[in-house]
Amino acid sequence: MFDLASALRTAILLAGLAFSCGFQFSNAYYSPRNPEREVRVSTRYIILHTTEAPGSSALMTLRDLGEANFCVDTDGRVFRIVDHRRTAYHCGRSMWDGRVNLDECSVGIEVVGYHDRDITPAQYQALGALVAELKFLYHVSDERVLTHSMVAYGAPNKWIPRNHRGRKRCGMLFALPRVRQKLHLLAQPRYDPDVRAGRLINGDPYLANVLYGRGAPPAAAPAVPTTRERVQTIGADGASAGDIAGEEAWRASTLYIFRDGHFLRGSQVPQKVRNKLPPGTRMLVGFAVCGPLCATRRASDVCGARWHLPDTFYLLPGGMLKAGNEISANQLASGTMIFYRN
């Protein structure tokens, strides 16, 4: 039976500027990747992300790489990046309830902001309207509006021997009941189905407690590996960038730190040298960049309380890399760059 209301809503969305449910979206950052992206066969999930970077730089990256369907800026403006029917590369290595490669069955929404900071009132209004529209269009229940941190998973590595949950904290705040209530989401997952089924192990107890334990910190923090263990090195045991990070090796969230102290994002590494990166190049997967620091821009101004966390890294002038829990504020000289987890 022909559904006129659904057809009209679809036509409005495809027109490029939508006026419904109290929001509008713009094509100012419409990605040139659109023509090459396949139309999804089905849409089961809506995945919420945080950019972990300011709006201007995040929007340019999202546009260039086609890494979201929509982005909600701090002033409430909604930008269409990849057509809502098409596949946007926003989830990367992902799994939910046994299903992998969730890019193929989800709409991805980036929200300008950070996983551990609240979003603006304008963003709450716009994001709530956008999610409501997409829920209606694709018949997605509240329980299937997920966060990137819920679905991302990591491959075995030197300190976690199995596929594991906890690769990213991106979008973590959208699991908090008070935040979901403001977005008019009345239900949410109460546990991780893949950890419960044994397909994955829990690699980040703090994250799991935030996602499913109403945000209280865990009773005891897990042992934190040293910087040397957490930073991958190209050439160690013969490993290449692709061996270490797979499809993520050449994304903007992967960082390569060379011996002379300069660094490149994965998306900035020229194709012709990707298999020729110098041995000893250090590699961080799933990180955003901020800096440099100066007398009027301290680490706490940039990162807040997470400036001294073990998964925040500092590239000091001269090339030394230190984790947040291994350095004091007075050691952070002007020119220091901050790398922090998405």
C-alpha atoms as a PDB file:
ATOM      1  CA  MET A   1       0.000   0.000   0.000  1.00  0.00           C
ATOM      2  CA  PHE A   2       1.378   3.430  -0.971  1.00  0.00           C
ATOM      3  CA  ASP A   3       2.297   5.530   2.075  1.00  0.00           C
ATOM      4  CA  LEU A   4       1.817   9.158   1.000  1.00  0.00           C
ATOM      5  CA  ALA A   5       3.140  10.672   4.252  1.00  0.00           C
ATOM      6  CA  SER A   6       6.352   8.640   4.096  1.00  0.00           C
ATOM      7  CA  ALA A   7       6.837   9.486   0.415  1.00  0.00           C
ATOM      8  CA  LEU A   8       6.433  13.196   1.100  1.00  0.00           C
ATOM      9  CA  ARG A   9       8.921  13.105   3.955  1.00  0.00           C
ATOM     10  CA  THR A  10      11.456  11.305   1.763  1.00  0.00           C
ATOM     11  CA  ALA A  11      10.984  13.871  -1.012  1.00  0.00           C
ATOM     12  CA  ILE A  12      11.559  16.730   1.425  1.00  0.00           C
ATOM     13  CA  LEU A  13      14.753  15.166   2.764  1.00  0.00           C
ATOM     14  CA  LEU A  14      16.085  14.617  -0.749  1.00  0.00           C
ATOM     15  CA  ALA A  15      15.354  18.196  -1.789  1.00  0.00           C
ATOM     16  CA  GLY A  16      18.426  19.405   0.126  1.00  0.00           C
ATOM     17  CA  LEU A  17      16.737  21.732   2.608  1.00  0.00           C
ATOM     18  CA  ALA A  18      14.190  20.222   4.970  1.00  0.00           C
ATOM     19  CA  PHE A  19      11.611  21.944   7.132  1.00  0.00           C
ATOM     20  CA  SER A  20       9.927  19.460   9.439  1.00  0.00           C
ATOM     21  CA  CYS A  21       9.874  18.522  13.090  1.00  0.00           C
ATOM     22  CA  GLY A  22      11.351  21.951  13.865  1.00  0.00           C
ATOM     23  CA  PHE A  23      14.724  21.602  12.072  1.00  0.00           C
ATOM     24  CA  GLN A  24      16.283  22.400   8.737  1.00  0.00           C
ATOM     25  CA  PHE A  25      19.466  21.115   7.102  1.00  0.00           C
ATOM     26  CA  SER A  26      21.924  22.600   4.674  1.00  0.00           C
ATOM     27  CA  ASN A  27      24.063  21.199   1.850  1.00  0.00           C
ATOM     28  CA  ALA A  28      26.976  23.557   2.554  1.00  0.00           C
ATOM     29  CA  TYR A  29      29.216  20.560   3.364  1.00  0.00           C
ATOM     30  CA  TYR A  30      27.661  18.019   1.005  1.00  0.00           C
ATOM     31  CA  SER A  31      30.400  15.475   0.310  1.00  0.00           C
ATOM     32  CA  PRO A  32      31.810  14.893  -3.196  1.00  0.00           C
ATOM     33  CA  ARG A  33      31.904  11.218  -2.169  1.00  0.00           C
ATOM     34  CA  ASN A  34      28.125  10.920  -2.577  1.00  0.00           C
ATOM     35  CA  PRO A  35      28.078   9.563  -6.157  1.00  0.00           C
ATOM     36  CA  GLU A  36      30.413   6.685  -5.268  1.00  0.00           C
ATOM     37  CA  ARG A  37      28.503   5.569  -2.163  1.00  0.00           C
ATOM     38  CA  GLU A  38      26.045   2.689  -2.440  1.00  0.00           C
ATOM     39  CA  VAL A  39      22.420   2.984  -1.415  1.00  0.00           C
ATOM     40  CA  ARG A  40      21.856   0.940   1.753  1.00  0.00           C
ATOM     41  CA  VAL A  41      19.678  -2.140   1.424  1.00  0.00           C
ATOM     42  CA  SER A  42      18.287  -1.650   4.935  1.00  0.00           C
ATOM     43  CA  THR A  43      18.569   0.816   7.814  1.00  0.00           C
ATOM     44  CA  ARG A  44      18.302  -0.675  11.282  1.00  0.00           C
ATOM     45  CA  TYR A  45      20.280   1.759  13.429  1.00  0.00           C
ATOM     46  CA  ILE A  46      20.997   5.416  14.035  1.00  0.00           C
ATOM     47  CA  ILE A  47      24.527   5.918  15.353  1.00  0.00           C
ATOM     48  CA  LEU A  48      25.420   9.061  17.314  1.00  0.00           C
ATOM     49  CA  HIS A  49      28.991  10.405  17.314  1.00  0.00           C
ATOM     50  CA  THR A  50      30.905  13.329  18.783  1.00  0.00           C
ATOM     51  CA  THR A  51      33.428  15.053  16.523  1.00  0.00           C
ATOM     52  CA  GLU A  52      36.070  15.512  19.276  1.00  0.00           C
ATOM     53  CA  ALA A  53      37.118  18.610  17.332  1.00  0.00           C
ATOM     54  CA  PRO A  54      35.770  22.113  16.593  1.00  0.00           C
ATOM     55  CA  GLY A  55      33.016  22.451  14.008  1.00  0.00           C
ATOM     56  CA  SER A  56      34.977  24.090  11.193  1.00  0.00           C
ATOM     57  CA  SER A  57      37.742  21.496  10.986  1.00  0.00           C
ATOM     58  CA  ALA A  58      35.384  18.588  11.686  1.00  0.00           C
ATOM     59  CA  LEU A  59      32.961  19.592   8.945  1.00  0.00           C
ATOM     60  CA  MET A  60      35.725  19.893   6.364  1.00  0.00           C
ATOM     61  CA  THR A  61      37.030  16.421   7.237  1.00  0.00           C
ATOM     62  CA  LEU A  62      33.546  14.903   7.217  1.00  0.00           C
ATOM     63  CA  ARG A  63      32.842  16.472   3.828  1.00  0.00           C
ATOM     64  CA  ASP A  64      36.142  15.408   2.254  1.00  0.00           C
ATOM     65  CA  LEU A  65      35.965  11.805   3.484  1.00  0.00           C
ATOM     66  CA  GLY A  66      32.189  11.283   3.557  1.00  0.00           C
ATOM     67  CA  GLU A  67      32.290  10.091   7.157  1.00  0.00           C
ATOM     68  CA  ALA A  68      28.733  10.906   8.273  1.00  0.00           C
ATOM     69  CA  ASN A  69      25.253  11.403   6.916  1.00  0.00           C
ATOM     70  CA  PHE A  70      24.596  14.507   9.022  1.00  0.00           C
ATOM     71  CA  CYS A  71      26.479  16.835  11.355  1.00  0.00           C
ATOM     72  CA  VAL A  72      24.894  19.052  14.027  1.00  0.00           C
ATOM     73  CA  ASP A  73      26.916  22.187  14.824  1.00  0.00           C
ATOM     74  CA  THR A  74      26.948  23.940  18.194  1.00  0.00           C
ATOM     75  CA  ASP A  75      24.481  26.609  17.026  1.00  0.00           C
ATOM     76  CA  GLY A  76      21.947  23.960  16.006  1.00  0.00           C
ATOM     77  CA  ARG A  77      22.601  24.047  12.274  1.00  0.00           C
ATOM     78  CA  VAL A  78      22.258  20.616  10.669  1.00  0.00           C
ATOM     79  CA  PHE A  79      24.478  19.847   7.675  1.00  0.00           C
ATOM     80  CA  ARG A  80      23.908  16.983   5.277  1.00  0.00           C
ATOM     81  CA  ILE A  81      27.213  15.268   4.460  1.00  0.00           C
ATOM     82  CA  VAL A  82      26.166  12.043   2.692  1.00  0.00           C
ATOM     83  CA  ASP A  83      22.610  11.438   1.488  1.00  0.00           C
ATOM     84  CA  HIS A  84      20.654   9.672   4.232  1.00  0.00           C
ATOM     85  CA  ARG A  85      19.958   6.709   1.918  1.00  0.00           C
ATOM     86  CA  ARG A  86      23.626   6.143   1.102  1.00  0.00           C
ATOM     87  CA  THR A  87      26.451   4.529   3.047  1.00  0.00           C
ATOM     88  CA  ALA A  88      28.611   6.920   5.058  1.00  0.00           C
ATOM     89  CA  TYR A  89      31.862   5.591   6.489  1.00  0.00           C
ATOM     90  CA  HIS A  90      31.232   6.580  10.101  1.00  0.00           C
ATOM     91  CA  CYS A  91      31.461   3.378  12.158  1.00  0.00           C
ATOM     92  CA  GLY A  92      34.640   1.691  10.948  1.00  0.00           C
ATOM     93  CA  ARG A  93      35.275  -1.605  12.737  1.00  0.00           C
ATOM     94  CA  SER A  94      31.879  -2.193  14.347  1.00  0.00           C
ATOM     95  CA  MET A  95      29.562  -4.874  15.689  1.00  0.00           C
ATOM     96  CA  TRP A  96      26.157  -4.964  17.368  1.00  0.00           C
ATOM     97  CA  ASP A  97      24.263  -8.104  18.329  1.00  0.00           C
ATOM     98  CA  GLY A  98      26.499 -10.201  16.072  1.00  0.00           C
ATOM     99  CA  ARG A  99      26.135  -7.990  13.026  1.00  0.00           C
ATOM    100  CA  VAL A 100      29.335  -6.334  11.747  1.00  0.00           C
ATOM    101  CA  ASN A 101      30.112  -3.439   9.369  1.00  0.00           C
ATOM    102  CA  LEU A 102      27.284  -1.284  10.676  1.00  0.00           C
ATOM    103  CA  ASP A 103      27.970   1.408   8.076  1.00  0.00           C
ATOM    104  CA  GLU A 104      25.944  -0.823   5.764  1.00  0.00           C
ATOM    105  CA  CYS A 105      22.783  -0.637   7.870  1.00  0.00           C
ATOM    106  CA  SER A 106      22.877   2.655   9.761  1.00  0.00           C
ATOM    107  CA  VAL A 107      22.590   6.423   9.499  1.00  0.00           C
ATOM    108  CA  GLY A 108      25.498   8.251  11.135  1.00  0.00           C
ATOM    109  CA  ILE A 109      25.070  11.604  12.899  1.00  0.00           C
ATOM    110  CA  GLU A 110      28.110  13.576  14.072  1.00  0.00           C
ATOM    111  CA  VAL A 111      27.538  16.163  16.795  1.00  0.00           C
ATOM    112  CA  VAL A 112      30.163  18.875  17.167  1.00  0.00           C
ATOM    113  CA  GLY A 113      31.511  18.400  20.665  1.00  0.00           C
ATOM    114  CA  TYR A 114      33.247  15.954  22.954  1.00  0.00           C
ATOM    115  CA  HIS A 115      32.311  12.590  24.440  1.00  0.00           C
ATOM    116  CA  ASP A 116      32.595  13.843  28.046  1.00  0.00           C
ATOM    117  CA  ARG A 117      31.018  17.324  27.693  1.00  0.00           C
ATOM    118  CA  ASP A 118      27.375  18.309  27.394  1.00  0.00           C
ATOM    119  CA  ILE A 119      26.072  19.668  24.103  1.00  0.00           C
ATOM    120  CA  THR A 120      24.354  23.043  23.665  1.00  0.00           C
ATOM    121  CA  PRO A 121      20.591  23.666  24.032  1.00  0.00           C
ATOM    122  CA  ALA A 122      20.450  24.392  20.295  1.00  0.00           C
ATOM    123  CA  GLN A 123      22.061  21.033  19.577  1.00  0.00           C
ATOM    124  CA  TYR A 124      19.596  19.215  21.831  1.00  0.00           C
ATOM    125  CA  GLN A 125      16.701  20.748  19.917  1.00  0.00           C
ATOM    126  CA  ALA A 126      18.134  20.107  16.451  1.00  0.00           C
ATOM    127  CA  LEU A 127      19.464  16.624  17.186  1.00  0.00           C
ATOM    128  CA  GLY A 128      16.209  15.575  18.825  1.00  0.00           C
ATOM    129  CA  ALA A 129      14.260  16.714  15.767  1.00  0.00           C
ATOM    130  CA  LEU A 130      16.654  15.037  13.335  1.00  0.00           C
ATOM    131  CA  VAL A 131      16.627  11.739  15.227  1.00  0.00           C
ATOM    132  CA  ALA A 132      12.822  11.838  15.400  1.00  0.00           C
ATOM    133  CA  GLU A 133      12.634  12.387  11.634  1.00  0.00           C
ATOM    134  CA  LEU A 134      14.992   9.496  10.875  1.00  0.00           C
ATOM    135  CA  LYS A 135      13.261   7.195  13.367  1.00  0.00           C
ATOM    136  CA  PHE A 136       9.969   7.861  11.585  1.00  0.00           C
ATOM    137  CA  LEU A 137      11.461   7.436   8.119  1.00  0.00           C
ATOM    138  CA  TYR A 138      13.251   4.142   8.858  1.00  0.00           C
ATOM    139  CA  HIS A 139      11.062   2.735  11.661  1.00  0.00           C
ATOM    140  CA  VAL A 140      13.982   2.690  14.116  1.00  0.00           C
ATOM    141  CA  SER A 141      13.082   2.086  17.754  1.00  0.00           C
ATOM    142  CA  ASP A 142      14.675   4.030  20.622  1.00  0.00           C
ATOM    143  CA  GLU A 143      16.744   0.967  21.610  1.00  0.00           C
ATOM    144  CA  ARG A 144      18.393   1.028  18.188  1.00  0.00           C
ATOM    145  CA  VAL A 145      19.595   4.621  18.515  1.00  0.00           C
ATOM    146  CA  LEU A 146      23.140   3.766  19.580  1.00  0.00           C
ATOM    147  CA  THR A 147      26.435   5.528  20.241  1.00  0.00           C
ATOM    148  CA  HIS A 148      29.659   4.917  18.342  1.00  0.00           C
ATOM    149  CA  SER A 149      31.260   3.839  21.610  1.00  0.00           C
ATOM    150  CA  MET A 150      28.631   1.085  21.934  1.00  0.00           C
ATOM    151  CA  VAL A 151      29.297  -0.476  18.532  1.00  0.00           C
ATOM    152  CA  ALA A 152      33.026   0.099  17.867  1.00  0.00           C
ATOM    153  CA  TYR A 153      35.334  -2.803  18.680  1.00  0.00           C
ATOM    154  CA  GLY A 154      39.058  -3.370  18.585  1.00  0.00           C
ATOM    155  CA  ALA A 155      41.154  -6.158  17.109  1.00  0.00           C
ATOM    156  CA  PRO A 156      43.494  -8.203  19.321  1.00  0.00           C
ATOM    157  CA  ASN A 157      46.665  -6.350  20.244  1.00  0.00           C
ATOM    158  CA  LYS A 158      49.630  -6.608  22.578  1.00  0.00           C
ATOM    159  CA  TRP A 159      47.675  -5.847  25.733  1.00  0.00           C
ATOM    160  CA  ILE A 160      44.162  -7.166  24.900  1.00  0.00           C
ATOM    161  CA  PRO A 161      44.410 -10.638  23.322  1.00  0.00           C
ATOM    162  CA  ARG A 162      40.901 -10.876  21.844  1.00  0.00           C
ATOM    163  CA  ASN A 163      38.431  -8.774  19.866  1.00  0.00           C
ATOM    164  CA  HIS A 164      37.177  -6.302  22.423  1.00  0.00           C
ATOM    165  CA  ARG A 165      34.753  -3.521  23.151  1.00  0.00           C
ATOM    166  CA  GLY A 166      36.261  -0.182  24.147  1.00  0.00           C
ATOM    167  CA  ARG A 167      38.061   0.986  21.005  1.00  0.00           C
ATOM    168  CA  LYS A 168      36.373   4.415  21.172  1.00  0.00           C
ATOM    169  CA  ARG A 169      34.551   6.606  23.658  1.00  0.00           C
ATOM    170  CA  CYS A 170      33.029   8.640  20.830  1.00  0.00           C
ATOM    171  CA  GLY A 171      29.450   9.717  21.570  1.00  0.00           C
ATOM    172  CA  MET A 172      29.601   8.232  25.070  1.00  0.00           C
ATOM    173  CA  LEU A 173      27.416  10.958  26.615  1.00  0.00           C
ATOM    174  CA  PHE A 174      24.462   9.938  24.398  1.00  0.00           C
ATOM    175  CA  ALA A 175      24.110   6.794  26.510  1.00  0.00           C
ATOM    176  CA  LEU A 176      23.388   8.804  29.666  1.00  0.00           C
ATOM    177  CA  PRO A 177      19.691   8.632  30.639  1.00  0.00           C
ATOM    178  CA  ARG A 178      19.433  12.398  31.289  1.00  0.00           C
ATOM    179  CA  VAL A 179      20.834  13.132  27.814  1.00  0.00           C
ATOM    180  CA  ARG A 180      18.587  10.616  26.071  1.00  0.00           C
ATOM    181  CA  GLN A 181      15.573  12.027  27.873  1.00  0.00           C
ATOM    182  CA  LYS A 182      16.333  15.477  26.423  1.00  0.00           C
ATOM    183  CA  LEU A 183      16.465  13.854  22.982  1.00  0.00           C
ATOM    184  CA  HIS A 184      13.045  12.220  23.602  1.00  0.00           C
ATOM    185  CA  LEU A 185      14.567   8.727  23.606  1.00  0.00           C
ATOM    186  CA  LEU A 186      12.634   6.765  26.214  1.00  0.00           C
ATOM    187  CA  ALA A 187      14.431   3.424  25.941  1.00  0.00           C
ATOM    188  CA  GLN A 188      18.027   2.253  25.485  1.00  0.00           C
ATOM    189  CA  PRO A 189      20.162  -0.903  25.549  1.00  0.00           C
ATOM    190  CA  ARG A 190      20.769  -2.185  29.072  1.00  0.00           C
ATOM    191  CA  TYR A 191      23.763  -4.374  28.243  1.00  0.00           C
ATOM    192  CA  ASP A 192      26.238  -5.131  25.484  1.00  0.00           C
ATOM    193  CA  PRO A 193      24.832  -8.116  23.546  1.00  0.00           C
ATOM    194  CA  ASP A 194      28.201  -9.043  22.013  1.00  0.00           C
ATOM    195  CA  VAL A 195      30.065  -9.082  25.324  1.00  0.00           C
ATOM    196  CA  ARG A 196      27.226 -11.049  26.927  1.00  0.00           C
ATOM    197  CA  ALA A 197      27.325 -13.600  24.080  1.00  0.00           C
ATOM    198  CA  GLY A 198      31.110 -13.920  24.285  1.00  0.00           C
ATOM    199  CA  ARG A 199      31.789 -12.544  20.808  1.00  0.00           C
ATOM    200  CA  LEU A 200      33.793  -9.706  22.380  1.00  0.00           C
ATOM    201  CA  ILE A 201      35.451  -9.094  25.708  1.00  0.00           C
ATOM    202  CA  ASN A 202      35.242  -5.877  27.703  1.00  0.00           C
ATOM    203  CA  GLY A 203      38.416  -3.872  27.128  1.00  0.00           C
ATOM    204  CA  ASP A 204      37.302  -0.660  28.880  1.00  0.00           C
ATOM    205  CA  PRO A 205      35.446  -1.203  32.182  1.00  0.00           C
ATOM    206  CA  TYR A 206      34.989   2.532  32.719  1.00  0.00           C
ATOM    207  CA  LEU A 207      33.279   2.937  29.335  1.00  0.00           C
ATOM    208  CA  ALA A 208      31.064  -0.100  29.909  1.00  0.00           C
ATOM    209  CA  ASN A 209      29.958   1.325  33.224  1.00  0.00           C
ATOM    210  CA  VAL A 210      29.083   4.663  31.655  1.00  0.00           C
ATOM    211  CA  LEU A 211      27.144   3.017  28.824  1.00  0.00           C
ATOM    212  CA  TYR A 212      25.219   0.521  30.924  1.00  0.00           C
ATOM    213  CA  GLY A 213      25.769   1.471  34.573  1.00  0.00           C
ATOM    214  CA  ARG A 214      24.167   4.922  34.594  1.00  0.00           C
ATOM    215  CA  GLY A 215      27.472   6.720  34.437  1.00  0.00           C
ATOM    216  CA  ALA A 216      28.937   5.821  37.831  1.00  0.00           C
ATOM    217  CA  PRO A 217      32.708   5.229  37.806  1.00  0.00           C
ATOM    218  CA  PRO A 218      33.846   1.615  38.252  1.00  0.00           C
ATOM    219  CA  ALA A 219      34.779   0.376  41.703  1.00  0.00           C
ATOM    220  CA  ALA A 220      38.352  -0.261  40.582  1.00  0.00           C
ATOM    221  CA  ALA A 221      40.131   0.992  37.497  1.00  0.00           C
ATOM    222  CA  PRO A 222      41.934  -1.581  35.348  1.00  0.00           C
ATOM    223  CA  ALA A 223      45.697  -1.610  35.161  1.00  0.00           C
ATOM    224  CA  VAL A 224      46.921   1.007  32.686  1.00  0.00           C
ATOM    225  CA  PRO A 225      49.538  -0.125  30.130  1.00  0.00           C
ATOM    226  CA  THR A 226      52.635   2.038  29.723  1.00  0.00           C
ATOM    227  CA  THR A 227      53.002   4.553  26.906  1.00  0.00           C
ATOM    228  CA  ARG A 228      55.364   2.180  25.129  1.00  0.00           C
ATOM    229  CA  GLU A 229      52.681  -0.540  25.166  1.00  0.00           C
ATOM    230  CA  ARG A 230      49.878   1.759  24.017  1.00  0.00           C
ATOM    231  CA  VAL A 231      51.711   3.410  21.138  1.00  0.00           C
ATOM    232  CA  GLN A 232      52.191   1.178  18.106  1.00  0.00           C
ATOM    233  CA  THR A 233      55.495   1.347  16.225  1.00  0.00           C
ATOM    234  CA  ILE A 234      55.786   0.703  12.508  1.00  0.00           C
ATOM    235  CA  GLY A 235      58.428  -1.890  11.782  1.00  0.00           C
ATOM    236  CA  ALA A 236      58.204  -3.553  15.199  1.00  0.00           C
ATOM    237  CA  ASP A 237      58.017  -7.307  14.584  1.00  0.00           C
ATOM    238  CA  GLY A 238      57.734  -6.473  10.880  1.00  0.00           C
ATOM    239  CA  ALA A 239      54.322  -4.780  11.291  1.00  0.00           C
ATOM    240  CA  SER A 240      53.159  -2.254   8.683  1.00  0.00           C
ATOM    241  CA  ALA A 241      50.535   0.440   9.216  1.00  0.00           C
ATOM    242  CA  GLY A 242      47.938  -1.747   7.500  1.00  0.00           C
ATOM    243  CA  ASP A 243      48.833  -4.719   9.708  1.00  0.00           C
ATOM    244  CA  ILE A 244      48.299  -2.599  12.805  1.00  0.00           C
ATOM    245  CA  ALA A 245      45.161  -0.647  11.935  1.00  0.00           C
ATOM    246  CA  GLY A 246      43.611  -2.231   8.835  1.00  0.00           C
ATOM    247  CA  GLU A 247      41.055   0.053   7.188  1.00  0.00           C
ATOM    248  CA  GLU A 248      41.634   2.772   9.800  1.00  0.00           C
ATOM    249  CA  ALA A 249      45.295   3.259   8.889  1.00  0.00           C
ATOM    250  CA  TRP A 250      44.554   6.041   6.395  1.00  0.00           C
ATOM    251  CA  ARG A 251      41.785   7.872   8.189  1.00  0.00           C
ATOM    252  CA  ALA A 252      42.106  11.326   9.714  1.00  0.00           C
ATOM    253  CA  SER A 253      41.798   9.852  13.209  1.00  0.00           C
ATOM    254  CA  THR A 254      45.025   7.848  12.824  1.00  0.00           C
ATOM    255  CA  LEU A 255      48.216   9.773  13.592  1.00  0.00           C
ATOM    256  CA  TYR A 256      51.780   9.082  12.471  1.00  0.00           C
ATOM    257  CA  ILE A 257      54.528  10.657  14.561  1.00  0.00           C
ATOM    258  CA  PHE A 258      57.921  10.631  12.848  1.00  0.00           C
ATOM    259  CA  ARG A 259      61.306  10.536  14.530  1.00  0.00           C
ATOM    260  CA  ASP A 260      61.968  14.228  13.917  1.00  0.00           C
ATOM    261  CA  GLY A 261      58.793  15.108  15.864  1.00  0.00           C
ATOM    262  CA  HIS A 262      56.480  16.124  13.031  1.00  0.00           C
ATOM    263  CA  PHE A 263      53.236  14.230  12.488  1.00  0.00           C
ATOM    264  CA  LEU A 264      50.650  13.507   9.818  1.00  0.00           C
ATOM    265  CA  ARG A 265      47.078  12.266   9.886  1.00  0.00           C
ATOM    266  CA  GLY A 266      46.446   9.022   8.041  1.00  0.00           C
ATOM    267  CA  SER A 267      44.420  10.880   5.417  1.00  0.00           C
ATOM    268  CA  GLN A 268      47.435  13.138   4.738  1.00  0.00           C
ATOM    269  CA  VAL A 269      49.890  10.333   3.969  1.00  0.00           C
ATOM    270  CA  PRO A 270      50.416  10.174   0.173  1.00  0.00           C
ATOM    271  CA  GLN A 271      49.286   6.924  -1.440  1.00  0.00           C
ATOM    272  CA  LYS A 272      52.714   6.248  -2.934  1.00  0.00           C
ATOM    273  CA  VAL A 273      54.503   6.179   0.443  1.00  0.00           C
ATOM    274  CA  ARG A 274      51.924   4.321   2.525  1.00  0.00           C
ATOM    275  CA  ASN A 275      53.899   1.092   2.336  1.00  0.00           C
ATOM    276  CA  LYS A 276      57.216   2.904   2.867  1.00  0.00           C
ATOM    277  CA  LEU A 277      56.751   4.698   6.177  1.00  0.00           C
ATOM    278  CA  PRO A 278      60.070   4.775   8.080  1.00  0.00           C
ATOM    279  CA  PRO A 279      60.588   2.053  10.704  1.00  0.00           C
ATOM    280  CA  GLY A 280      60.215   3.551  14.152  1.00  0.00           C
ATOM    281  CA  THR A 281      57.332   5.822  13.144  1.00  0.00           C
ATOM    282  CA  ARG A 282      54.907   5.895  16.071  1.00  0.00           C
ATOM    283  CA  MET A 283      51.221   5.383  15.441  1.00  0.00           C
ATOM    284  CA  LEU A 284      48.071   6.327  17.355  1.00  0.00           C
ATOM    285  CA  VAL A 285      44.733   4.967  16.130  1.00  0.00           C
ATOM    286  CA  GLY A 286      41.447   6.729  16.885  1.00  0.00           C
ATOM    287  CA  PHE A 287      42.764  10.123  18.047  1.00  0.00           C
ATOM    288  CA  ALA A 288      41.919  13.776  17.482  1.00  0.00           C
ATOM    289  CA  VAL A 289      44.472  16.592  17.586  1.00  0.00           C
ATOM    290  CA  CYS A 290      44.464  19.894  19.441  1.00  0.00           C
ATOM    291  CA  GLY A 291      47.138  22.507  20.057  1.00  0.00           C
ATOM    292  CA  PRO A 292      49.639  23.916  20.129  1.00  0.00           C
ATOM    293  CA  LEU A 293      49.624  24.956  23.777  1.00  0.00           C
ATOM    294  CA  CYS A 294      50.802  28.399  24.776  1.00  0.00           C
ATOM    295  CA  ALA A 295      50.872  30.661  27.845  1.00  0.00           C
ATOM    296  CA  THR A 296      47.185  31.524  27.442  1.00  0.00           C
ATOM    297  CA  ARG A 297      46.043  28.081  26.281  1.00  0.00           C
ATOM    298  CA  ARG A 298      46.669  25.383  28.853  1.00  0.00           C
ATOM    299  CA  ALA A 299      45.976  21.667  28.550  1.00  0.00           C
ATOM    300  CA  SER A 300      43.027  21.937  30.947  1.00  0.00           C
ATOM    301  CA  ASP A 301      41.530  24.691  28.770  1.00  0.00           C
ATOM    302  CA  VAL A 302      41.554  22.291  25.820  1.00  0.00           C
ATOM    303  CA  CYS A 303      40.730  18.939  27.438  1.00  0.00           C
ATOM    304  CA  GLY A 304      39.190  19.817  30.783  1.00  0.00           C
ATOM    305  CA  ALA A 305      39.658  17.146  33.437  1.00  0.00           C
ATOM    306  CA  ARG A 306      40.894  14.566  30.943  1.00  0.00           C
ATOM    307  CA  TRP A 307      44.175  16.441  30.342  1.00  0.00           C
ATOM    308  CA  HIS A 308      45.957  13.978  32.678  1.00  0.00           C
ATOM    309  CA  LEU A 309      44.233  10.749  31.570  1.00  0.00           C
ATOM    310  CA  PRO A 310      46.365   7.848  30.300  1.00  0.00           C
ATOM    311  CA  ASP A 311      44.701   7.945  26.864  1.00  0.00           C
ATOM    312  CA  THR A 312      45.569  11.617  26.309  1.00  0.00           C
ATOM    313  CA  PHE A 313      49.029  12.084  24.781  1.00  0.00           C
ATOM    314  CA  TYR A 314      51.343  15.069  24.491  1.00  0.00           C
ATOM    315  CA  LEU A 315      53.884  15.574  21.726  1.00  0.00           C
ATOM    316  CA  LEU A 316      56.487  17.824  23.304  1.00  0.00           C
ATOM    317  CA  PRO A 317      58.724  20.154  21.302  1.00  0.00           C
ATOM    318  CA  GLY A 318      61.599  17.955  20.179  1.00  0.00           C
ATOM    319  CA  GLY A 319      59.459  14.885  19.530  1.00  0.00           C
ATOM    320  CA  MET A 320      59.031  13.223  22.943  1.00  0.00           C
ATOM    321  CA  LEU A 321      55.596  11.615  23.422  1.00  0.00           C
ATOM    322  CA  LYS A 322      54.124  11.446  26.930  1.00  0.00           C
ATOM    323  CA  ALA A 323      50.795  10.210  28.284  1.00  0.00           C
ATOM    324  CA  GLY A 324      48.652  12.455  30.463  1.00  0.00           C
ATOM    325  CA  ASN A 325      49.238  10.342  33.564  1.00  0.00           C
ATOM    326  CA  GLU A 326      53.004  10.512  33.036  1.00  0.00           C
ATOM    327  CA  ILE A 327      53.450  14.270  32.924  1.00  0.00           C
ATOM    328  CA  SER A 328      52.774  17.324  35.093  1.00  0.00           C
ATOM    329  CA  ALA A 329      51.275  20.594  33.935  1.00  0.00           C
ATOM    330  CA  ASN A 330      54.555  22.490  34.364  1.00  0.00           C
ATOM    331  CA  GLN A 331      56.232  20.126  31.871  1.00  0.00           C
ATOM    332  CA  LEU A 332      53.861  21.154  29.076  1.00  0.00           C
ATOM    333  CA  ALA A 333      55.843  23.795  27.223  1.00  0.00           C
ATOM    334  CA  SER A 334      54.484  26.180  24.598  1.00  0.00           C
ATOM    335  CA  GLY A 335      54.189  24.389  21.268  1.00  0.00           C
ATOM    336  CA  THR A 336      53.094  21.069  22.812  1.00  0.00           C
ATOM    337  CA  MET A 337      50.414  19.250  20.769  1.00  0.00           C
ATOM    338  CA  ILE A 338      47.595  17.245  22.400  1.00  0.00           C
ATOM    339  CA  PHE A 339      46.325  13.945  21.016  1.00  0.00           C
ATOM    340  CA  TYR A 340      43.176  12.563  22.638  1.00  0.00           C
ATOM    341  CA  ARG A 341      40.873   9.626  22.038  1.00  0.00           C
ATOM    342  CA  ASN A 342      37.779  10.044  19.859  1.00  0.00           C
END
